[in-house]
Protein backbone atom coordinates (compact mmCIF):
# COMPACT_ATOMS: atom_id res chain seq x y z
CA MET A 1 -38.55 -24.37 -56.53
CA ARG A 2 -37.43 -23.09 -53.21
CA GLU A 3 -37.20 -19.19 -52.44
CA ILE A 4 -34.23 -18.23 -50.96
CA ASP A 5 -33.60 -14.98 -48.88
CA ILE A 6 -31.10 -12.45 -49.65
CA PHE A 7 -30.19 -10.57 -46.39
CA ASP A 8 -27.78 -7.84 -47.15
CA THR A 9 -25.44 -6.48 -44.58
CA THR A 10 -23.71 -4.00 -46.89
CA LEU A 11 -24.71 -1.37 -43.94
CA ARG A 12 -23.05 -3.21 -41.49
CA ASP A 13 -20.46 -5.81 -42.23
CA GLY A 14 -19.92 -4.08 -45.89
CA GLU A 15 -19.10 -0.40 -43.77
CA GLN A 16 -16.00 -2.30 -41.63
CA GLN A 17 -14.07 -1.95 -44.97
CA PRO A 18 -11.13 -0.01 -43.88
CA GLY A 19 -10.88 3.58 -44.18
CA LEU A 20 -14.84 3.60 -45.41
CA ASN A 21 -17.36 5.74 -43.41
CA LEU A 22 -20.99 6.86 -44.53
CA ASN A 23 -22.90 9.67 -43.23
CA LEU A 24 -26.52 8.95 -42.44
CA ASP A 25 -27.51 10.38 -45.80
CA GLU A 26 -25.71 7.81 -47.75
CA LYS A 27 -27.01 5.00 -45.56
CA LEU A 28 -30.44 6.28 -45.98
CA GLU A 29 -29.81 6.24 -50.07
CA ILE A 30 -28.35 2.94 -49.84
CA ALA A 31 -30.96 1.27 -47.59
CA LYS A 32 -33.71 3.01 -50.28
CA GLN A 33 -32.01 1.37 -52.99
CA LEU A 34 -32.04 -1.97 -51.40
CA ASP A 35 -35.53 -1.72 -50.92
CA ARG A 36 -36.35 -1.26 -54.35
CA LEU A 37 -33.76 -4.06 -55.48
CA GLY A 38 -36.14 -6.02 -53.19
CA VAL A 39 -33.90 -7.49 -51.01
CA ASN A 40 -35.59 -9.63 -48.08
CA ILE A 41 -33.74 -8.47 -44.83
CA ILE A 42 -31.24 -5.29 -44.44
CA GLU A 43 -29.11 -5.32 -41.64
CA ALA A 44 -28.80 -1.40 -40.81
CA GLY A 45 -25.63 -1.51 -38.72
CA PHE A 46 -24.88 -2.45 -34.72
CA PRO A 47 -27.14 -0.06 -32.39
CA ALA A 48 -25.53 -0.99 -29.46
CA SER A 49 -21.90 0.27 -30.75
CA ASN A 50 -22.67 4.11 -30.77
CA ASP A 51 -25.08 6.78 -30.86
CA GLY A 52 -24.36 7.06 -34.51
CA ASP A 53 -24.94 3.70 -35.46
CA PHE A 54 -28.12 3.65 -33.21
CA HIS A 55 -29.76 6.34 -34.75
CA SER A 56 -28.94 5.52 -38.49
CA VAL A 57 -30.27 2.27 -37.83
CA GLN A 58 -33.46 3.96 -36.19
CA LYS A 59 -34.13 5.94 -39.50
CA ILE A 60 -33.50 3.07 -41.70
CA ALA A 61 -36.00 1.26 -40.18
CA ARG A 62 -38.59 4.16 -40.26
CA ALA A 63 -37.86 4.74 -43.58
CA VAL A 64 -37.57 1.39 -45.54
CA LYS A 65 -41.00 0.32 -47.05
CA ASN A 66 -41.05 -3.30 -47.60
CA SER A 67 -37.86 -4.73 -46.71
CA THR A 68 -37.31 -6.23 -43.02
CA VAL A 69 -34.52 -4.05 -41.14
CA THR A 70 -32.62 -5.67 -38.50
CA GLY A 71 -29.73 -4.79 -36.03
CA LEU A 72 -26.52 -6.74 -35.17
CA SER A 73 -26.07 -7.76 -31.03
CA ARG A 74 -23.88 -9.38 -28.51
CA VAL A 75 -25.29 -11.91 -26.51
CA VAL A 76 -25.71 -9.14 -23.96
CA LYS A 77 -29.02 -8.14 -22.75
CA LYS A 78 -28.17 -4.06 -22.98
CA ASP A 79 -27.27 -4.87 -26.49
CA ILE A 80 -30.13 -6.43 -27.14
CA ASP A 81 -32.11 -3.75 -25.66
CA THR A 82 -30.70 -1.16 -27.82
CA ALA A 83 -31.61 -2.96 -30.68
CA TYR A 84 -35.09 -3.22 -29.55
CA GLU A 85 -35.19 0.97 -28.88
CA ALA A 86 -33.92 1.49 -32.80
CA LEU A 87 -36.25 -1.12 -34.31
CA LYS A 88 -39.25 -1.36 -32.35
CA ASP A 89 -41.23 1.25 -34.37
CA THR A 90 -41.09 -1.31 -37.68
CA ALA A 91 -43.66 -3.41 -38.55
CA ASN A 92 -41.25 -6.58 -38.17
CA PRO A 93 -38.77 -5.68 -35.88
CA ARG A 94 -35.85 -8.64 -36.14
CA ILE A 95 -32.52 -9.08 -34.06
CA HIS A 96 -29.06 -10.77 -35.36
CA ILE A 97 -27.37 -11.98 -32.06
CA PHE A 98 -23.97 -13.54 -32.01
CA ILE A 99 -21.34 -15.19 -30.12
CA ALA A 100 -18.44 -16.84 -31.53
CA THR A 101 -18.22 -20.98 -31.15
CA SER A 102 -14.67 -22.38 -32.37
CA ASP A 103 -12.32 -23.50 -30.27
CA ILE A 104 -9.99 -20.94 -30.96
CA HIS A 105 -12.07 -17.86 -30.68
CA ILE A 106 -13.82 -19.46 -27.08
CA LYS A 107 -10.50 -20.18 -25.63
CA HIS A 108 -8.27 -16.86 -26.89
CA LYS A 109 -10.91 -14.25 -27.32
CA LEU A 110 -14.01 -15.29 -25.09
CA LEU A 111 -11.93 -16.83 -22.15
CA MET A 112 -14.93 -19.44 -21.44
CA THR A 113 -15.90 -22.76 -21.91
CA GLN A 114 -18.15 -24.15 -24.36
CA GLN A 115 -21.17 -24.54 -21.88
CA GLU A 116 -20.60 -20.70 -21.03
CA VAL A 117 -20.90 -19.73 -24.62
CA LEU A 118 -23.83 -22.28 -24.91
CA ASP A 119 -25.97 -20.69 -21.95
CA ALA A 120 -25.01 -17.23 -23.00
CA ALA A 121 -26.88 -18.14 -26.00
CA VAL A 122 -29.60 -19.66 -25.22
CA GLU A 123 -30.68 -16.78 -22.43
CA ALA A 124 -29.81 -14.00 -25.12
CA VAL A 125 -32.23 -16.02 -27.30
CA ARG A 126 -34.68 -16.28 -25.10
CA TYR A 127 -34.60 -13.02 -23.78
CA ALA A 128 -34.76 -11.82 -27.45
CA LYS A 129 -37.72 -13.52 -27.99
CA GLN A 130 -39.82 -11.46 -25.64
CA LYS A 131 -38.72 -8.18 -27.79
CA PHE A 132 -38.39 -9.61 -31.28
CA PRO A 133 -41.05 -11.67 -33.46
CA VAL A 134 -37.86 -12.74 -35.47
CA VAL A 135 -34.38 -13.70 -33.91
CA GLN A 136 -31.53 -14.69 -35.88
CA PHE A 137 -28.56 -16.37 -33.93
CA SER A 138 -24.71 -16.45 -35.32
CA ALA A 139 -22.19 -19.06 -34.54
CA GLU A 140 -19.31 -16.66 -35.44
CA ASP A 141 -16.75 -19.13 -37.03
CA ALA A 142 -18.84 -21.97 -37.91
CA CYS A 143 -16.73 -23.41 -40.33
CA ARG A 144 -13.93 -23.73 -37.86
CA THR A 145 -16.39 -25.27 -34.85
CA SER A 146 -16.64 -28.77 -34.16
CA TRP A 147 -19.96 -30.28 -35.96
CA ASP A 148 -20.87 -31.90 -32.67
CA PHE A 149 -20.99 -28.55 -30.58
CA LEU A 150 -22.50 -26.70 -33.34
CA THR A 151 -25.18 -29.20 -33.22
CA LYS A 152 -25.79 -28.95 -29.99
CA ILE A 153 -26.09 -24.96 -29.68
CA SER A 154 -28.15 -25.22 -32.45
CA SER A 155 -30.55 -27.42 -31.15
CA GLU A 156 -30.54 -25.60 -28.01
CA VAL A 157 -31.43 -22.31 -29.26
CA ILE A 158 -34.25 -23.35 -31.21
CA ARG A 159 -35.56 -24.84 -27.79
CA ALA A 160 -35.05 -21.12 -26.55
CA GLY A 161 -37.59 -19.99 -29.86
CA VAL A 162 -34.78 -19.04 -32.46
CA ASP A 163 -36.14 -18.64 -36.05
CA VAL A 164 -33.17 -18.11 -38.11
CA ILE A 165 -29.61 -19.65 -37.29
CA ASN A 166 -26.38 -18.17 -39.57
CA LEU A 167 -23.34 -20.41 -39.93
CA PRO A 168 -20.79 -17.75 -41.04
CA ASP A 169 -17.42 -18.68 -42.25
CA THR A 170 -16.24 -15.49 -40.68
CA VAL A 171 -12.32 -15.52 -41.81
CA GLY A 172 -13.29 -17.30 -45.16
CA TYR A 173 -11.49 -20.52 -44.39
CA THR A 174 -13.98 -23.30 -45.69
CA THR A 175 -14.19 -24.62 -49.15
CA PRO A 176 -17.79 -25.36 -51.53
CA ASN A 177 -17.47 -29.17 -50.57
CA GLU A 178 -16.81 -28.66 -47.14
CA ILE A 179 -19.59 -26.01 -46.53
CA LYS A 180 -21.97 -28.19 -48.18
CA ALA A 181 -21.42 -31.19 -46.12
CA MET A 182 -21.79 -28.59 -42.87
CA PHE A 183 -25.21 -27.74 -43.83
CA GLN A 184 -26.04 -31.23 -44.72
CA HIS A 185 -25.02 -32.57 -41.59
CA MET A 186 -26.99 -29.65 -39.90
CA LYS A 187 -30.11 -30.60 -41.73
CA GLN A 188 -30.20 -33.98 -41.01
CA HIS A 189 -29.03 -33.81 -37.00
CA VAL A 190 -30.17 -30.62 -35.51
CA HIS A 191 -33.25 -30.97 -33.53
CA ASP A 192 -36.51 -29.58 -34.96
CA VAL A 193 -34.32 -27.71 -37.73
CA GLU A 194 -37.15 -28.06 -40.33
CA LYS A 195 -39.02 -25.30 -37.87
CA ILE A 196 -36.38 -22.53 -38.54
CA LYS A 197 -34.14 -21.36 -41.45
CA LEU A 198 -30.56 -21.95 -42.09
CA SER A 199 -28.22 -18.84 -42.99
CA ALA A 200 -24.46 -18.96 -44.87
CA HIS A 201 -22.78 -15.52 -44.46
CA ASN A 202 -19.12 -16.25 -46.22
CA HIS A 203 -16.01 -14.42 -46.32
CA ASP A 204 -13.83 -13.80 -49.59
CA ASP A 205 -10.61 -14.41 -48.06
CA LEU A 206 -9.34 -17.18 -50.23
CA GLY A 207 -11.81 -15.89 -52.87
CA MET A 208 -14.62 -18.70 -52.58
CA ALA A 209 -17.02 -16.57 -50.87
CA VAL A 210 -19.63 -16.80 -53.95
CA ALA A 211 -18.97 -20.29 -54.60
CA ASN A 212 -19.52 -21.11 -50.60
CA SER A 213 -22.68 -19.09 -50.45
CA LEU A 214 -23.85 -21.30 -53.49
CA ALA A 215 -22.48 -24.60 -52.12
CA ALA A 216 -24.37 -23.86 -48.88
CA ILE A 217 -27.55 -23.17 -50.75
CA GLU A 218 -26.99 -26.82 -52.33
CA GLY A 219 -26.68 -28.26 -48.64
CA GLY A 220 -29.75 -26.62 -47.52
CA ALA A 221 -28.93 -23.03 -46.77
CA ASP A 222 -32.47 -21.08 -46.94
CA GLN A 223 -30.60 -17.64 -46.56
CA VAL A 224 -27.52 -15.96 -47.80
CA GLU A 225 -25.92 -13.14 -46.46
CA CYS A 226 -23.99 -10.93 -48.74
CA THR A 227 -22.85 -7.40 -49.79
CA ILE A 228 -23.29 -5.16 -52.77
CA ASN A 229 -19.77 -5.32 -54.77
CA GLY A 230 -18.83 -7.70 -52.04
CA ILE A 231 -17.47 -5.09 -50.36
CA GLY A 232 -16.50 -5.72 -46.33
CA GLU A 233 -13.40 -5.93 -44.10
CA ARG A 234 -10.64 -7.84 -45.19
CA ALA A 235 -11.23 -9.43 -48.51
CA GLY A 236 -14.83 -8.62 -48.27
CA ASN A 237 -17.91 -11.02 -48.35
CA ALA A 238 -19.83 -12.49 -50.90
CA SER A 239 -21.04 -10.38 -53.77
CA LEU A 240 -24.99 -10.16 -53.55
CA GLU A 241 -25.08 -9.58 -57.34
CA GLU A 242 -23.31 -12.51 -58.44
CA ILE A 243 -24.95 -14.70 -56.10
CA ALA A 244 -28.45 -13.45 -57.32
CA VAL A 245 -27.30 -13.59 -60.92
CA ALA A 246 -25.78 -17.32 -60.93
CA LEU A 247 -29.31 -18.49 -59.24
CA GLN A 248 -31.30 -17.25 -62.06
CA ILE A 249 -29.00 -18.34 -64.56
CA ARG A 250 -28.39 -21.84 -63.36
CA LYS A 251 -31.79 -22.39 -61.62
CA ASP A 252 -31.69 -25.40 -63.38
CA TYR A 253 -28.86 -26.80 -61.71
CA TYR A 254 -29.88 -25.22 -57.64
CA ALA A 255 -33.54 -25.39 -58.09
CA ALA A 256 -33.48 -21.93 -56.54
CA ASN A 257 -34.42 -18.77 -57.01
CA SER A 258 -34.60 -15.16 -54.93
CA THR A 259 -37.06 -12.59 -55.42
CA LEU A 260 -34.57 -9.74 -56.13
CA LYS A 261 -35.56 -7.10 -59.04
CA LEU A 262 -32.76 -8.12 -61.23
CA ASN A 263 -32.75 -5.25 -63.29
CA GLU A 264 -31.85 -2.64 -59.94
CA LEU A 265 -28.34 -4.80 -59.61
CA LYS A 266 -26.04 -2.35 -62.09
CA ARG A 267 -27.91 0.82 -60.49
CA THR A 268 -27.42 -0.74 -56.39
CA SER A 269 -23.78 -1.17 -57.47
CA ASN A 270 -22.87 1.83 -58.81
CA LEU A 271 -24.83 3.56 -56.03
CA VAL A 272 -22.82 2.23 -53.51
CA SER A 273 -19.45 2.24 -55.25
CA LYS A 274 -19.73 5.75 -55.39
CA LEU A 275 -20.68 6.60 -52.15
CA THR A 276 -18.19 4.63 -50.78
CA GLY A 277 -15.41 5.22 -52.71
CA THR A 278 -14.79 2.14 -53.76
CA ILE A 279 -13.74 1.37 -57.16
CA VAL A 280 -15.46 -1.82 -59.06
CA PRO A 281 -12.78 -3.32 -61.58
CA GLY A 282 -13.59 -3.25 -64.96
CA ASN A 283 -13.76 -7.02 -65.08
CA LYS A 284 -16.02 -7.50 -62.31
CA ALA A 285 -18.53 -9.99 -62.85
CA ILE A 286 -22.17 -8.92 -63.73
CA VAL A 287 -21.79 -4.95 -62.87
CA GLY A 288 -17.72 -4.50 -63.70
CA ALA A 289 -17.82 -2.14 -67.02
CA ASN A 290 -16.52 -4.89 -69.35
CA ALA A 291 -18.97 -7.67 -68.26
CA PHE A 292 -20.41 -7.24 -71.46
CA ALA A 293 -17.88 -6.24 -73.28
CA HIS A 294 -16.40 -7.84 -76.43
CA GLU A 295 -13.19 -7.33 -78.22
CA SER A 296 -11.92 -10.31 -79.67
CA GLY A 297 -12.99 -10.21 -83.38
CA ILE A 298 -14.41 -14.45 -83.28
CA HIS A 299 -16.46 -13.43 -80.19
CA GLN A 300 -17.67 -10.21 -81.75
CA ASP A 301 -18.58 -12.29 -84.79
CA GLY A 302 -20.22 -14.44 -82.41
CA VAL A 303 -22.25 -11.83 -80.67
CA LEU A 304 -23.64 -10.25 -83.90
CA LYS A 305 -24.85 -13.29 -85.28
CA GLU A 306 -26.71 -14.92 -82.12
CA SER A 307 -25.87 -13.07 -78.60
CA THR A 308 -26.35 -16.43 -76.49
CA THR A 309 -22.75 -17.68 -78.38
CA TYR A 310 -20.84 -15.71 -75.95
CA GLU A 311 -23.26 -13.98 -73.67
CA ILE A 312 -24.97 -16.11 -70.79
CA ILE A 313 -26.47 -13.19 -69.42
CA THR A 314 -28.37 -10.23 -71.19
CA PRO A 315 -27.31 -6.47 -70.05
CA GLU A 316 -30.86 -6.02 -69.58
CA LEU A 317 -31.16 -8.59 -67.16
CA VAL A 318 -29.12 -6.79 -64.27
CA GLY A 319 -30.37 -3.16 -65.30
CA VAL A 320 -27.58 -2.53 -67.88
CA GLU A 321 -29.03 -0.19 -70.23
CA LYS A 322 -27.71 2.65 -73.17
CA ASN A 323 -28.28 6.14 -71.83
CA SER A 324 -30.96 7.66 -72.57
CA LEU A 325 -31.12 11.20 -74.37
CA PRO A 326 -29.06 13.62 -72.20
CA LEU A 327 -29.93 16.47 -70.71
CA GLY A 328 -28.95 20.14 -71.70
CA LYS A 329 -28.42 23.63 -70.60
CA LEU A 330 -32.22 24.45 -71.76
CA SER A 331 -33.49 21.36 -69.81
CA GLY A 332 -36.04 23.07 -67.05
CA LYS A 333 -36.53 21.93 -63.63
CA HIS A 334 -39.41 19.77 -64.50
CA ALA A 335 -37.72 17.24 -66.78
CA PHE A 336 -34.44 17.34 -64.30
CA LYS A 337 -36.44 16.01 -61.30
CA THR A 338 -38.10 13.25 -63.72
CA LYS A 339 -34.59 12.40 -64.74
CA ILE A 340 -33.39 11.84 -61.00
CA THR A 341 -37.06 9.66 -60.01
CA GLU A 342 -35.96 7.75 -62.96
CA LEU A 343 -32.32 7.39 -61.37
CA GLY A 344 -33.86 6.07 -58.18
CA PHE A 345 -33.08 9.50 -56.11
CA GLU A 346 -35.82 11.63 -53.71
CA LEU A 347 -35.22 14.81 -53.16
CA GLU A 348 -36.65 17.19 -50.48
CA GLU A 349 -37.26 20.81 -52.64
CA GLU A 350 -34.23 22.57 -50.89
CA ASP A 351 -32.13 19.71 -52.12
CA LEU A 352 -33.63 19.37 -55.36
CA LYS A 353 -32.64 23.43 -56.17
CA ARG A 354 -29.07 22.59 -54.85
CA VAL A 355 -28.59 19.93 -57.07
CA PHE A 356 -30.83 21.45 -59.98
CA LYS A 357 -28.19 24.50 -59.62
CA ALA A 358 -25.01 22.46 -59.66
CA PHE A 359 -26.71 20.57 -62.88
CA LYS A 360 -27.25 24.14 -64.42
CA ASP A 361 -23.45 25.03 -64.10
CA LEU A 362 -22.35 21.86 -65.34
CA ALA A 363 -24.95 22.30 -68.65
CA HIS A 364 -23.21 25.31 -69.25
CA LYS A 365 -19.53 23.67 -69.11
CA LYS A 366 -20.55 20.21 -71.12
CA LYS A 367 -21.84 19.75 -74.41
CA SER A 368 -24.41 17.51 -72.95
CA VAL A 369 -25.17 15.97 -69.63
CA THR A 370 -25.33 12.33 -68.97
CA ASP A 371 -27.28 9.91 -66.50
CA ASP A 372 -23.72 9.15 -65.24
CA ASP A 373 -22.96 12.90 -64.66
CA ILE A 374 -26.17 13.51 -63.21
CA PHE A 375 -25.93 10.19 -61.22
CA ALA A 376 -22.54 12.01 -59.61
CA LEU A 377 -23.86 14.98 -58.89
CA LEU A 378 -26.51 12.98 -56.91
CA THR A 379 -24.24 11.09 -54.96
CA ALA A 380 -22.15 14.05 -54.19
CA GLU A 381 -24.99 16.13 -52.93
CA LYS A 382 -25.95 12.92 -50.98
CA SER A 383 -22.07 12.85 -49.29
CA GLY A 384 -21.89 16.54 -48.85
CA SER A 385 -18.96 16.88 -50.87
CA GLN A 386 -19.62 20.62 -51.49
CA SER A 387 -20.37 22.13 -48.54
CA GLY A 388 -20.09 21.51 -44.87
CA MET A 389 -18.33 22.72 -41.64
CA TYR A 390 -15.39 23.85 -44.01
CA GLU A 391 -16.76 25.24 -47.46
CA LEU A 392 -14.56 25.91 -50.52
CA LYS A 393 -15.26 29.27 -52.02
CA SER A 394 -11.66 30.05 -54.17
CA LEU A 395 -9.58 28.20 -55.67
CA GLN A 396 -6.50 29.71 -57.77
CA VAL A 397 -3.59 27.76 -59.20
CA ASN A 398 -0.62 28.36 -60.73
CA VAL A 399 1.26 25.89 -62.79
CA ALA A 400 4.26 25.71 -64.16
CA THR A 401 5.79 22.84 -66.68
CA GLN A 402 9.46 24.01 -66.31
CA GLU A 403 11.54 21.63 -64.69
CA ASN A 404 12.20 22.80 -60.90
CA VAL A 405 9.50 25.39 -61.02
CA ILE A 406 7.37 25.00 -57.27
CA GLN A 407 3.50 25.16 -57.99
CA THR A 408 1.54 27.77 -56.10
CA ALA A 409 -1.97 27.37 -54.73
CA THR A 410 -4.61 29.95 -53.20
CA VAL A 411 -7.89 29.10 -51.64
CA ILE A 412 -10.31 30.94 -49.97
CA VAL A 413 -12.34 28.79 -47.17
CA ARG A 414 -15.51 29.62 -45.30
CA THR A 415 -15.12 27.99 -41.37
CA PRO A 416 -17.08 26.52 -39.42
CA ASP A 417 -17.92 29.98 -37.77
CA GLY A 418 -18.52 31.57 -40.79
CA GLU A 419 -15.83 33.22 -41.48
CA GLU A 420 -14.12 33.91 -44.48
CA ILE A 421 -9.93 32.87 -44.67
CA GLN A 422 -7.88 32.85 -47.50
CA GLU A 423 -4.23 31.14 -47.32
CA ALA A 424 -1.16 30.18 -49.53
CA ALA A 425 1.45 27.62 -50.04
CA THR A 426 3.40 25.61 -52.04
CA GLY A 427 4.18 22.16 -53.17
CA LYS A 428 5.96 20.05 -55.65
CA GLY A 429 2.87 19.52 -58.11
CA SER A 430 -0.48 21.30 -57.99
CA VAL A 431 -2.63 19.05 -56.00
CA GLU A 432 0.43 18.87 -53.24
CA ALA A 433 -0.25 22.41 -53.49
CA VAL A 434 -3.98 22.79 -52.95
CA TYR A 435 -3.60 20.30 -49.97
CA ASN A 436 -0.72 21.91 -47.98
CA THR A 437 -2.88 25.44 -48.77
CA LEU A 438 -5.87 23.56 -46.94
CA SER A 439 -3.95 22.12 -44.31
CA ARG A 440 -2.27 25.42 -43.18
CA LEU A 441 -5.86 26.57 -42.88
CA ILE A 442 -7.27 24.18 -41.00
CA GLY A 443 -4.13 24.49 -39.10
CA GLU A 444 -3.63 21.02 -37.87
CA PRO A 445 -1.45 18.19 -39.48
CA ILE A 446 -3.21 16.09 -41.70
CA GLN A 447 -1.89 12.94 -43.27
CA LEU A 448 -3.07 11.93 -46.65
CA GLU A 449 -2.97 8.12 -47.07
CA ASP A 450 -4.63 7.90 -50.48
CA TYR A 451 -5.81 9.66 -53.42
CA ARG A 452 -7.81 8.67 -56.03
CA ILE A 453 -9.22 10.10 -59.77
CA GLN A 454 -11.27 9.12 -62.43
CA SER A 455 -13.59 10.21 -64.84
CA VAL A 456 -17.72 9.91 -64.37
CA THR A 457 -18.14 9.59 -68.12
CA GLY A 458 -15.47 9.87 -71.34
CA GLY A 459 -14.63 12.61 -73.35
CA GLU A 460 -12.47 15.73 -72.84
CA ASP A 461 -15.18 17.46 -70.64
CA ALA A 462 -15.75 14.60 -68.33
CA LEU A 463 -16.28 15.23 -64.52
CA ALA A 464 -13.74 14.34 -62.05
CA GLU A 465 -14.31 12.36 -59.58
CA VAL A 466 -11.71 12.25 -56.61
CA VAL A 467 -11.31 9.97 -53.80
CA VAL A 468 -9.35 10.52 -50.41
CA HIS A 469 -8.38 8.72 -47.50
CA LEU A 470 -6.70 10.93 -44.59
CA THR A 471 -6.25 11.03 -40.98
CA TYR A 472 -7.22 13.84 -38.96
CA ASN A 473 -7.12 14.26 -35.33
CA ASP A 474 -6.00 10.52 -34.88
CA GLU A 475 -9.17 9.33 -36.99
CA SER A 476 -9.30 8.22 -40.54
CA SER A 477 -11.72 9.36 -42.98
CA LEU A 478 -13.00 8.79 -46.62
CA GLY A 479 -13.83 12.05 -48.58
CA ARG A 480 -15.44 12.60 -52.02
CA GLY A 481 -15.64 15.12 -54.65
CA THR A 482 -17.19 16.01 -57.98
CA ALA A 483 -16.46 19.11 -60.10
CA HIS A 484 -15.59 19.48 -64.01
CA ASP A 485 -11.92 20.96 -62.79
CA VAL A 486 -9.92 17.96 -61.26
CA LEU A 487 -8.22 20.18 -58.47
CA GLU A 488 -11.44 21.71 -57.77
CA ALA A 489 -12.74 18.01 -57.15
CA SER A 490 -9.51 17.55 -55.50
CA ALA A 491 -10.39 20.34 -52.49
CA PHE A 492 -13.54 18.95 -52.24
CA ALA A 493 -12.84 15.44 -52.01
CA TYR A 494 -10.20 16.94 -49.04
CA LEU A 495 -12.82 18.98 -47.29
CA ASN A 496 -15.33 16.41 -47.29
CA ALA A 497 -13.03 14.15 -45.23
CA VAL A 498 -12.29 16.63 -42.83
CA ASN A 499 -16.14 17.57 -42.52
CA ARG A 500 -17.04 13.81 -41.70
CA ILE A 501 -14.26 13.36 -38.63
CA ILE A 502 -15.55 17.19 -37.65
CA SER A 503 -19.13 16.33 -37.50
CA GLY A 504 -18.81 13.14 -35.31
CA ASN A 505 -19.27 10.93 -38.44
CA PRO A 506 -20.13 7.59 -36.99
CA THR A 507 -16.82 5.14 -36.87
CA LYS A 508 -16.49 1.49 -37.03
CA GLU A 509 -17.55 -0.95 -34.10
CA PRO A 510 -14.57 -1.14 -31.73
CA ILE A 511 -16.59 -3.83 -29.34
CA GLU A 512 -14.65 -7.02 -31.11
CA GLU A 513 -14.45 -8.82 -34.36
CA LEU A 514 -18.41 -9.34 -35.90
CA VAL A 515 -19.83 -12.54 -37.76
């Protein structure tokens, strides 16, 4: 049975999703969880795009213990040198070089000839091989590239020393039959192809990214590139969790498998969902809240008699388990520390003290604190949703239910220079009143683009989690806030988004469309 390498690009291609911006702590936490999941390669970013990406790739490479860490690069020596500086301290530094190969990209974007593209690719691979033991080359928009040119450039970069060739469906255009045939063609016609691995990277514009990835494996792909929950630009990427479980459940058909720890999938999905503010649909395969729910009476009867009647995947396979005994207000620090270790988090002592205090505060407001509650507190800590350059100190809202009565909010905030200032404003609703007050405190126009709220758990005492997308100083930012009170969570989310911009959180790569 073939072993397929899982190349995770959540932290690179996934972060290109509009409105998504992760800080360094969040990226590190996701990288560590991907390492626990057992992905073979973690694409941590694009080091040459900006200083923030460089430092995050560097720190992730130093923190990850088992997975290989790679960085993206154009066919430019400066990019390759920058990637090497970010990755050189790792045990097995690896680089991912790309250039577009389709006629439409060559003519309209690169303004080059096919020969110039081929020469640039070969020169870049040859130069990178002097620094990196593993070099991957991507033919951007491969699925709209002529097979003759794809075969030719692949043969040439193999001669230059490449180790992996990626054939991405950059715009989500191809179909399963087409991509399978393309990989079969490459296996049959590329000179010395047996010396390297072929990789597939599929986008989901037509909803076929997972199907195309599995078809590529049928055609001979040795590696698939994907993201947790399928996040990414436009319609996103192939979902890692769906590919991994499909290979496991249908290994009789694909005769291939991965080395992932599948019982870490649900935890990984939850972490990425929380930190990116991207909600996983309830009917999402593998990790959705309803993936193992049965409402039909006939289905319920069948499952109770024999689970395999309607469940081809057991919840335990992907790490969906019933909550263990919840902690409460009498629980001590040792029990709390044990619990967060079970949930896959590692905290420094000062961070642990801060989160333990938040847990105690919550435990006095709730009858019991579930694993989901603690998970929310921990992800809030990684996002810095309750601290930063602007810090919420006090919030008071006057709410009235009568028609045409204006809501009023009074807020005290600690500013970046340490001063505590107070302001009040009104709004048609309580959240609008809070946000008008915060905008007045900050003193500059802020445009709220999106506001979402959900409960962390069920019940009347559930934690509220708010995600906002706003524009400030001509930059867009995503902010998250978690609290027992909806309005407090809303204020935390708003300030978190502003703080990310002020602190210079890395922005998306502006250089050009990527693989």
